[in-house]
Amino acid sequence: MTLKEDFAPAWHEIGLTLSQAASPNDDGPRREAVTKAFDRALALGGDDAESWANLGGLHCRRAHAENGFAAPTLEKALDCHRNASRLSGNSTYPLMNAARVQLLLSAVRQEDLAPILGRPRQFHHLALFRVRPTAARRGASG
């Protein structure tokens, strides 16, 4: 079997496979290989929200392993989750990931957490919208 070098979804799948095989505290060559696979996928097709989210999660785990939470690595994670959020529209999963990383980063920097703590409440309306159909949608289906 040969890998089509310019096929972004293949690199995404390689990143997922390597990520699942790595232990949570693995900061060696395997984690570097995971990062390179997602980087390659995004270089070929940067509009893949899932690749951005997976890379953001990888950076979060790496930040945690670096003596608590390393701010520069959390910044990379935040950038990835923001890209995933931008590409996912109003999907609450990447928005919550970005908010969680922003909270961690603010705590590491010893910043005021009050502005960050209010953000997840903003997602309440998005979550309700996804769960409860609007009156117009109920009328159209009923």
Foldseek 3Di string as FASTA:
>chain_A
DDDPQLALVVLLVVLVVLVVVDDLLDPDDSLVSSLVSLVSSCVNPVLDLVSLQVNLVSLQSVLCNPPHGDLVSLVSSLVSLVSSCVSVDLDVVSVVSNLVSVQVNCVVVVHDCVVSVCVVVVNVVVVCCVVDPDPVVVVVVD
